[in-house]
Amino acid sequence: MIFPISMSDEEYKLISEYAAHKKMSTSDFIINATLEQIEDEEDLKLYEKAEAEFNADPITYSHEEVKKFLGLNK
């Protein structure tokens, strides 16, 4: 699929030079950067959800307690 993107000459130069430095095509660099941004935002949402769940019920267990629960103590 072809997806045109509008940017200034300066923006294109900066992006294409950076992509070349990373030994990537400009197109691959833009795709990878976009997908990484999406993944980062999804990770942040998951973190915020987990943090809210923990703050609502902040129970923690030590390694020794977990080993005991799982019957791993020798």
PDB file of N, CA and C in Angstrom:
ATOM      1  N   MET A   1       0.848  -1.172   0.000  1.00  0.00           N
ATOM      2  CA  MET A   1       0.000   0.000   0.000  1.00  0.00           C
ATOM      3  C   MET A   1       0.894   1.235   0.000  1.00  0.00           C
ATOM      4  N   ILE A   2       0.520   2.206  -0.756  1.00  0.00           N
ATOM      5  CA  ILE A   2       1.253   3.467  -0.802  1.00  0.00           C
ATOM      6  C   ILE A   2       0.467   4.479   0.016  1.00  0.00           C
ATOM      7  N   PHE A   3       1.208   5.186   0.888  1.00  0.00           N
ATOM      8  CA  PHE A   3       0.586   6.178   1.753  1.00  0.00           C
ATOM      9  C   PHE A   3       1.425   7.451   1.699  1.00  0.00           C
ATOM     10  N   PRO A   4       0.938   8.468   0.997  1.00  0.00           N
ATOM     11  CA  PRO A   4       1.735   9.703   0.894  1.00  0.00           C
ATOM     12  C   PRO A   4       1.759  10.463   2.213  1.00  0.00           C
ATOM     13  N   ILE A   5       2.909  11.039   2.515  1.00  0.00           N
ATOM     14  CA  ILE A   5       3.068  11.841   3.729  1.00  0.00           C
ATOM     15  C   ILE A   5       3.616  13.200   3.323  1.00  0.00           C
ATOM     16  N   SER A   6       3.019  14.242   3.849  1.00  0.00           N
ATOM     17  CA  SER A   6       3.509  15.594   3.579  1.00  0.00           C
ATOM     18  C   SER A   6       4.439  16.023   4.695  1.00  0.00           C
ATOM     19  N   MET A   7       5.598  16.540   4.308  1.00  0.00           N
ATOM     20  CA  MET A   7       6.543  17.078   5.278  1.00  0.00           C
ATOM     21  C   MET A   7       7.407  18.103   4.578  1.00  0.00           C
ATOM     22  N   SER A   8       8.022  18.925   5.368  1.00  0.00           N
ATOM     23  CA  SER A   8       8.900  19.939   4.786  1.00  0.00           C
ATOM     24  C   SER A   8      10.181  19.284   4.279  1.00  0.00           C
ATOM     25  N   ASP A   9      10.901  19.999   3.449  1.00  0.00           N
ATOM     26  CA  ASP A   9      12.191  19.499   2.958  1.00  0.00           C
ATOM     27  C   ASP A   9      13.154  19.261   4.114  1.00  0.00           C
ATOM     28  N   GLU A  10      13.117  20.155   5.101  1.00  0.00           N
ATOM     29  CA  GLU A  10      14.013  20.013   6.256  1.00  0.00           C
ATOM     30  C   GLU A  10      13.681  18.759   7.062  1.00  0.00           C
ATOM     31  N   GLU A  11      12.378  18.508   7.252  1.00  0.00           N
ATOM     32  CA  GLU A  11      11.966  17.309   7.976  1.00  0.00           C
ATOM     33  C   GLU A  11      12.389  16.051   7.226  1.00  0.00           C
ATOM     34  N   TYR A  12      12.173  16.053   5.916  1.00  0.00           N
ATOM     35  CA  TYR A  12      12.552  14.888   5.118  1.00  0.00           C
ATOM     36  C   TYR A  12      14.056  14.661   5.173  1.00  0.00           C
ATOM     37  N   LYS A  13      14.819  15.716   5.078  1.00  0.00           N
ATOM     38  CA  LYS A  13      16.283  15.590   5.128  1.00  0.00           C
ATOM     39  C   LYS A  13      16.719  15.009   6.468  1.00  0.00           C
ATOM     40  N   LEU A  14      16.182  15.528   7.540  1.00  0.00           N
ATOM     41  CA  LEU A  14      16.535  15.037   8.876  1.00  0.00           C
ATOM     42  C   LEU A  14      16.189  13.561   9.022  1.00  0.00           C
ATOM     43  N   ILE A  15      14.982  13.194   8.636  1.00  0.00           N
ATOM     44  CA  ILE A  15      14.534  11.806   8.771  1.00  0.00           C
ATOM     45  C   ILE A  15      15.350  10.879   7.881  1.00  0.00           C
ATOM     46  N   SER A  16      15.548  11.263   6.637  1.00  0.00           N
ATOM     47  CA  SER A  16      16.270  10.385   5.711  1.00  0.00           C
ATOM     48  C   SER A  16      17.739  10.230   6.107  1.00  0.00           C
ATOM     49  N   GLU A  17      18.364  11.289   6.605  1.00  0.00           N
ATOM     50  CA  GLU A  17      19.754  11.179   7.061  1.00  0.00           C
ATOM     51  C   GLU A  17      19.854  10.290   8.294  1.00  0.00           C
ATOM     52  N   TYR A  18      18.898  10.428   9.197  1.00  0.00           N
ATOM     53  CA  TYR A  18      18.902   9.589  10.398  1.00  0.00           C
ATOM     54  C   TYR A  18      18.681   8.127  10.023  1.00  0.00           C
ATOM     55  N   ALA A  19      17.744   7.881   9.117  1.00  0.00           N
ATOM     56  CA  ALA A  19      17.467   6.514   8.657  1.00  0.00           C
ATOM     57  C   ALA A  19      18.715   5.917   8.010  1.00  0.00           C
ATOM     58  N   ALA A  20      19.407   6.688   7.181  1.00  0.00           N
ATOM     59  CA  ALA A  20      20.635   6.210   6.534  1.00  0.00           C
ATOM     60  C   ALA A  20      21.691   5.875   7.575  1.00  0.00           C
ATOM     61  N   HIS A  21      21.789   6.692   8.613  1.00  0.00           N
ATOM     62  CA  HIS A  21      22.733   6.439   9.707  1.00  0.00           C
ATOM     63  C   HIS A  21      22.423   5.101  10.381  1.00  0.00           C
ATOM     64  N   LYS A  22      21.147   4.768  10.449  1.00  0.00           N
ATOM     65  CA  LYS A  22      20.706   3.501  11.051  1.00  0.00           C
ATOM     66  C   LYS A  22      20.703   2.358  10.036  1.00  0.00           C
ATOM     67  N   LYS A  23      21.175   2.652   8.819  1.00  0.00           N
ATOM     68  CA  LYS A  23      21.223   1.664   7.733  1.00  0.00           C
ATOM     69  C   LYS A  23      19.824   1.145   7.390  1.00  0.00           C
ATOM     70  N   MET A  24      18.870   2.090   7.328  1.00  0.00           N
ATOM     71  CA  MET A  24      17.489   1.762   6.989  1.00  0.00           C
ATOM     72  C   MET A  24      17.029   2.684   5.871  1.00  0.00           C
ATOM     73  N   SER A  25      16.051   2.220   5.122  1.00  0.00           N
ATOM     74  CA  SER A  25      15.428   3.125   4.159  1.00  0.00           C
ATOM     75  C   SER A  25      14.565   4.114   4.944  1.00  0.00           C
ATOM     76  N   THR A  26      14.297   5.250   4.337  1.00  0.00           N
ATOM     77  CA  THR A  26      13.453   6.250   4.990  1.00  0.00           C
ATOM     78  C   THR A  26      12.075   5.664   5.276  1.00  0.00           C
ATOM     79  N   SER A  27      11.540   4.953   4.315  1.00  0.00           N
ATOM     80  CA  SER A  27      10.226   4.346   4.474  1.00  0.00           C
ATOM     81  C   SER A  27      10.204   3.341   5.628  1.00  0.00           C
ATOM     82  N   ASP A  28      11.202   2.439   5.690  1.00  0.00           N
ATOM     83  CA  ASP A  28      11.262   1.465   6.784  1.00  0.00           C
ATOM     84  C   ASP A  28      11.425   2.164   8.131  1.00  0.00           C
ATOM     85  N   PHE A  29      12.231   3.217   8.160  1.00  0.00           N
ATOM     86  CA  PHE A  29      12.434   3.942   9.410  1.00  0.00           C
ATOM     87  C   PHE A  29      11.122   4.554   9.899  1.00  0.00           C
ATOM     88  N   ILE A  30      10.379   5.196   8.995  1.00  0.00           N
ATOM     89  CA  ILE A  30       9.115   5.826   9.386  1.00  0.00           C
ATOM     90  C   ILE A  30       8.121   4.773   9.870  1.00  0.00           C
ATOM     91  N   ILE A  31       8.043   3.644   9.170  1.00  0.00           N
ATOM     92  CA  ILE A  31       7.134   2.574   9.582  1.00  0.00           C
ATOM     93  C   ILE A  31       7.522   2.047  10.963  1.00  0.00           C
ATOM     94  N   ASN A  32       8.809   1.756  11.151  1.00  0.00           N
ATOM     95  CA  ASN A  32       9.264   1.237  12.448  1.00  0.00           C
ATOM     96  C   ASN A  32       9.041   2.239  13.571  1.00  0.00           C
ATOM     97  N   ALA A  33       9.326   3.504  13.320  1.00  0.00           N
ATOM     98  CA  ALA A  33       9.140   4.529  14.355  1.00  0.00           C
ATOM     99  C   ALA A  33       7.663   4.654  14.732  1.00  0.00           C
ATOM    100  N   THR A  34       6.796   4.581  13.733  1.00  0.00           N
ATOM    101  CA  THR A  34       5.358   4.675  13.996  1.00  0.00           C
ATOM    102  C   THR A  34       4.872   3.476  14.809  1.00  0.00           C
ATOM    103  N   LEU A  35       5.287   2.280  14.414  1.00  0.00           N
ATOM    104  CA  LEU A  35       4.871   1.079  15.147  1.00  0.00           C
ATOM    105  C   LEU A  35       5.421   1.075  16.568  1.00  0.00           C
ATOM    106  N   GLU A  36       6.653   1.542  16.759  1.00  0.00           N
ATOM    107  CA  GLU A  36       7.222   1.632  18.112  1.00  0.00           C
ATOM    108  C   GLU A  36       6.432   2.613  18.973  1.00  0.00           C
ATOM    109  N   GLN A  37       6.002   3.735  18.385  1.00  0.00           N
ATOM    110  CA  GLN A  37       5.203   4.715  19.123  1.00  0.00           C
ATOM    111  C   GLN A  37       3.887   4.096  19.583  1.00  0.00           C
ATOM    112  N   ILE A  38       3.235   3.363  18.685  1.00  0.00           N
ATOM    113  CA  ILE A  38       1.974   2.701  19.034  1.00  0.00           C
ATOM    114  C   ILE A  38       2.204   1.687  20.160  1.00  0.00           C
ATOM    115  N   GLU A  39       3.263   0.880  20.033  1.00  0.00           N
ATOM    116  CA  GLU A  39       3.574  -0.117  21.066  1.00  0.00           C
ATOM    117  C   GLU A  39       3.872   0.542  22.412  1.00  0.00           C
ATOM    118  N   ASP A  40       4.621   1.645  22.389  1.00  0.00           N
ATOM    119  CA  ASP A  40       4.919   2.360  23.632  1.00  0.00           C
ATOM    120  C   ASP A  40       3.648   2.859  24.304  1.00  0.00           C
ATOM    121  N   GLU A  41       2.726   3.394  23.519  1.00  0.00           N
ATOM    122  CA  GLU A  41       1.477   3.895  24.093  1.00  0.00           C
ATOM    123  C   GLU A  41       0.625   2.757  24.643  1.00  0.00           C
ATOM    124  N   GLU A  42       0.598   1.617  23.965  1.00  0.00           N
ATOM    125  CA  GLU A  42      -0.140   0.461  24.476  1.00  0.00           C
ATOM    126  C   GLU A  42       0.494  -0.048  25.769  1.00  0.00           C
ATOM    127  N   ASP A  43       1.825  -0.097  25.805  1.00  0.00           N
ATOM    128  CA  ASP A  43       2.524  -0.521  27.022  1.00  0.00           C
ATOM    129  C   ASP A  43       2.212   0.416  28.183  1.00  0.00           C
ATOM    130  N   LEU A  44       2.187   1.719  27.914  1.00  0.00           N
ATOM    131  CA  LEU A  44       1.881   2.691  28.962  1.00  0.00           C
ATOM    132  C   LEU A  44       0.467   2.486  29.499  1.00  0.00           C
ATOM    133  N   LYS A  45      -0.496   2.222  28.615  1.00  0.00           N
ATOM    134  CA  LYS A  45      -1.870   1.963  29.063  1.00  0.00           C
ATOM    135  C   LYS A  45      -1.935   0.721  29.950  1.00  0.00           C
ATOM    136  N   LEU A  46      -1.214  -0.343  29.550  1.00  0.00           N
ATOM    137  CA  LEU A  46      -1.189  -1.563  30.362  1.00  0.00           C
ATOM    138  C   LEU A  46      -0.548  -1.308  31.721  1.00  0.00           C
ATOM    139  N   TYR A  47       0.534  -0.525  31.721  1.00  0.00           N
ATOM    140  CA  TYR A  47       1.196  -0.184  32.986  1.00  0.00           C
ATOM    141  C   TYR A  47       0.235   0.592  33.892  1.00  0.00           C
ATOM    142  N   GLU A  48      -0.435   1.593  33.329  1.00  0.00           N
ATOM    143  CA  GLU A  48      -1.340   2.410  34.133  1.00  0.00           C
ATOM    144  C   GLU A  48      -2.489   1.568  34.696  1.00  0.00           C
ATOM    145  N   LYS A  49      -2.974   0.609  33.911  1.00  0.00           N
ATOM    146  CA  LYS A  49      -4.034  -0.283  34.391  1.00  0.00           C
ATOM    147  C   LYS A  49      -3.512  -1.160  35.529  1.00  0.00           C
ATOM    148  N   ALA A  50      -2.321  -1.734  35.345  1.00  0.00           N
ATOM    149  CA  ALA A  50      -1.740  -2.590  36.384  1.00  0.00           C
ATOM    150  C   ALA A  50      -1.457  -1.788  37.653  1.00  0.00           C
ATOM    151  N   GLU A  51      -0.971  -0.560  37.479  1.00  0.00           N
ATOM    152  CA  GLU A  51      -0.698   0.284  38.644  1.00  0.00           C
ATOM    153  C   GLU A  51      -1.986   0.602  39.403  1.00  0.00           C
ATOM    154  N   ALA A  52      -3.054   0.895  38.681  1.00  0.00           N
ATOM    155  CA  ALA A  52      -4.340   1.188  39.318  1.00  0.00           C
ATOM    156  C   ALA A  52      -4.857  -0.039  40.073  1.00  0.00           C
ATOM    157  N   GLU A  53      -4.722  -1.216  39.472  1.00  0.00           N
ATOM    158  CA  GLU A  53      -5.153  -2.446  40.136  1.00  0.00           C
ATOM    159  C   GLU A  53      -4.335  -2.692  41.401  1.00  0.00           C
ATOM    160  N   PHE A  54      -3.024  -2.468  41.315  1.00  0.00           N
ATOM    161  CA  PHE A  54      -2.180  -2.656  42.494  1.00  0.00           C
ATOM    162  C   PHE A  54      -2.540  -1.653  43.583  1.00  0.00           C
ATOM    163  N   ASN A  55      -2.745  -0.391  43.199  1.00  0.00           N
ATOM    164  CA  ASN A  55      -3.066   0.637  44.194  1.00  0.00           C
ATOM    165  C   ASN A  55      -4.397   0.359  44.873  1.00  0.00           C
ATOM    166  N   ALA A  56      -5.308  -0.302  44.176  1.00  0.00           N
ATOM    167  CA  ALA A  56      -6.604  -0.650  44.757  1.00  0.00           C
ATOM    168  C   ALA A  56      -6.471  -1.800  45.761  1.00  0.00           C
ATOM    169  N   ASP A  57      -5.466  -2.652  45.591  1.00  0.00           N
ATOM    170  CA  ASP A  57      -5.251  -3.804  46.466  1.00  0.00           C
ATOM    171  C   ASP A  57      -3.748  -4.100  46.535  1.00  0.00           C
ATOM    172  N   PRO A  58      -3.010  -3.290  47.299  1.00  0.00           N
ATOM    173  CA  PRO A  58      -1.547  -3.361  47.288  1.00  0.00           C
ATOM    174  C   PRO A  58      -0.943  -4.503  48.116  1.00  0.00           C
ATOM    175  N   ILE A  59      -1.295  -5.714  47.773  1.00  0.00           N
ATOM    176  CA  ILE A  59      -0.727  -6.866  48.475  1.00  0.00           C
ATOM    177  C   ILE A  59       0.471  -7.368  47.681  1.00  0.00           C
ATOM    178  N   THR A  60       1.571  -7.595  48.375  1.00  0.00           N
ATOM    179  CA  THR A  60       2.771  -8.135  47.721  1.00  0.00           C
ATOM    180  C   THR A  60       3.239  -9.374  48.481  1.00  0.00           C
ATOM    181  N   TYR A  61       4.035 -10.190  47.794  1.00  0.00           N
ATOM    182  CA  TYR A  61       4.574 -11.403  48.399  1.00  0.00           C
ATOM    183  C   TYR A  61       6.069 -11.453  48.139  1.00  0.00           C
ATOM    184  N   SER A  62       6.817 -11.961  49.107  1.00  0.00           N
ATOM    185  CA  SER A  62       8.261 -12.121  48.940  1.00  0.00           C
ATOM    186  C   SER A  62       8.529 -13.350  48.071  1.00  0.00           C
ATOM    187  N   HIS A  63       9.771 -13.469  47.605  1.00  0.00           N
ATOM    188  CA  HIS A  63      10.150 -14.654  46.833  1.00  0.00           C
ATOM    189  C   HIS A  63       9.940 -15.926  47.663  1.00  0.00           C
ATOM    190  N   GLU A  64      10.290 -15.858  48.916  1.00  0.00           N
ATOM    191  CA  GLU A  64      10.141 -17.021  49.795  1.00  0.00           C
ATOM    192  C   GLU A  64       8.676 -17.412  49.938  1.00  0.00           C
ATOM    193  N   GLU A  65       7.781 -16.424  50.062  1.00  0.00           N
ATOM    194  CA  GLU A  65       6.354 -16.724  50.178  1.00  0.00           C
ATOM    195  C   GLU A  65       5.827 -17.378  48.898  1.00  0.00           C
ATOM    196  N   VAL A  66       6.245 -16.887  47.757  1.00  0.00           N
ATOM    197  CA  VAL A  66       5.802 -17.453  46.487  1.00  0.00           C
ATOM    198  C   VAL A  66       6.308 -18.885  46.347  1.00  0.00           C
ATOM    199  N   LYS A  67       7.576 -19.117  46.703  1.00  0.00           N
ATOM    200  CA  LYS A  67       8.122 -20.477  46.645  1.00  0.00           C
ATOM    201  C   LYS A  67       7.310 -21.410  47.538  1.00  0.00           C
ATOM    202  N   LYS A  68       6.936 -20.932  48.717  1.00  0.00           N
ATOM    203  CA  LYS A  68       6.149 -21.756  49.640  1.00  0.00           C
ATOM    204  C   LYS A  68       4.763 -22.044  49.054  1.00  0.00           C
ATOM    205  N   PHE A  69       4.103 -21.010  48.497  1.00  0.00           N
ATOM    206  CA  PHE A  69       2.784 -21.193  47.874  1.00  0.00           C
ATOM    207  C   PHE A  69       2.840 -22.232  46.766  1.00  0.00           C
ATOM    208  N   LEU A  70       3.943 -22.244  46.013  1.00  0.00           N
ATOM    209  CA  LEU A  70       4.090 -23.152  44.867  1.00  0.00           C
ATOM    210  C   LEU A  70       4.717 -24.489  45.228  1.00  0.00           C
ATOM    211  N   GLY A  71       5.061 -24.644  46.499  1.00  0.00           N
ATOM    212  CA  GLY A  71       5.680 -25.883  46.954  1.00  0.00           C
ATOM    213  C   GLY A  71       7.090 -26.069  46.424  1.00  0.00           C
ATOM    214  N   LEU A  72       7.817 -24.990  46.251  1.00  0.00           N
ATOM    215  CA  LEU A  72       9.172 -25.053  45.702  1.00  0.00           C
ATOM    216  C   LEU A  72      10.270 -24.993  46.760  1.00  0.00           C
ATOM    217  N   ASN A  73       9.902 -24.913  48.027  1.00  0.00           N
ATOM    218  CA  ASN A  73      10.924 -24.886  49.083  1.00  0.00           C
ATOM    219  C   ASN A  73      11.571 -26.253  49.219  1.00  0.00           C
ATOM    220  N   LYS A  74      12.880 -26.264  49.298  1.00  0.00           N
ATOM    221  CA  LYS A  74      13.612 -27.531  49.450  1.00  0.00           C
ATOM    222  C   LYS A  74      14.178 -27.650  50.833  1.00  0.00           C
TER     223      LYS A  74
END
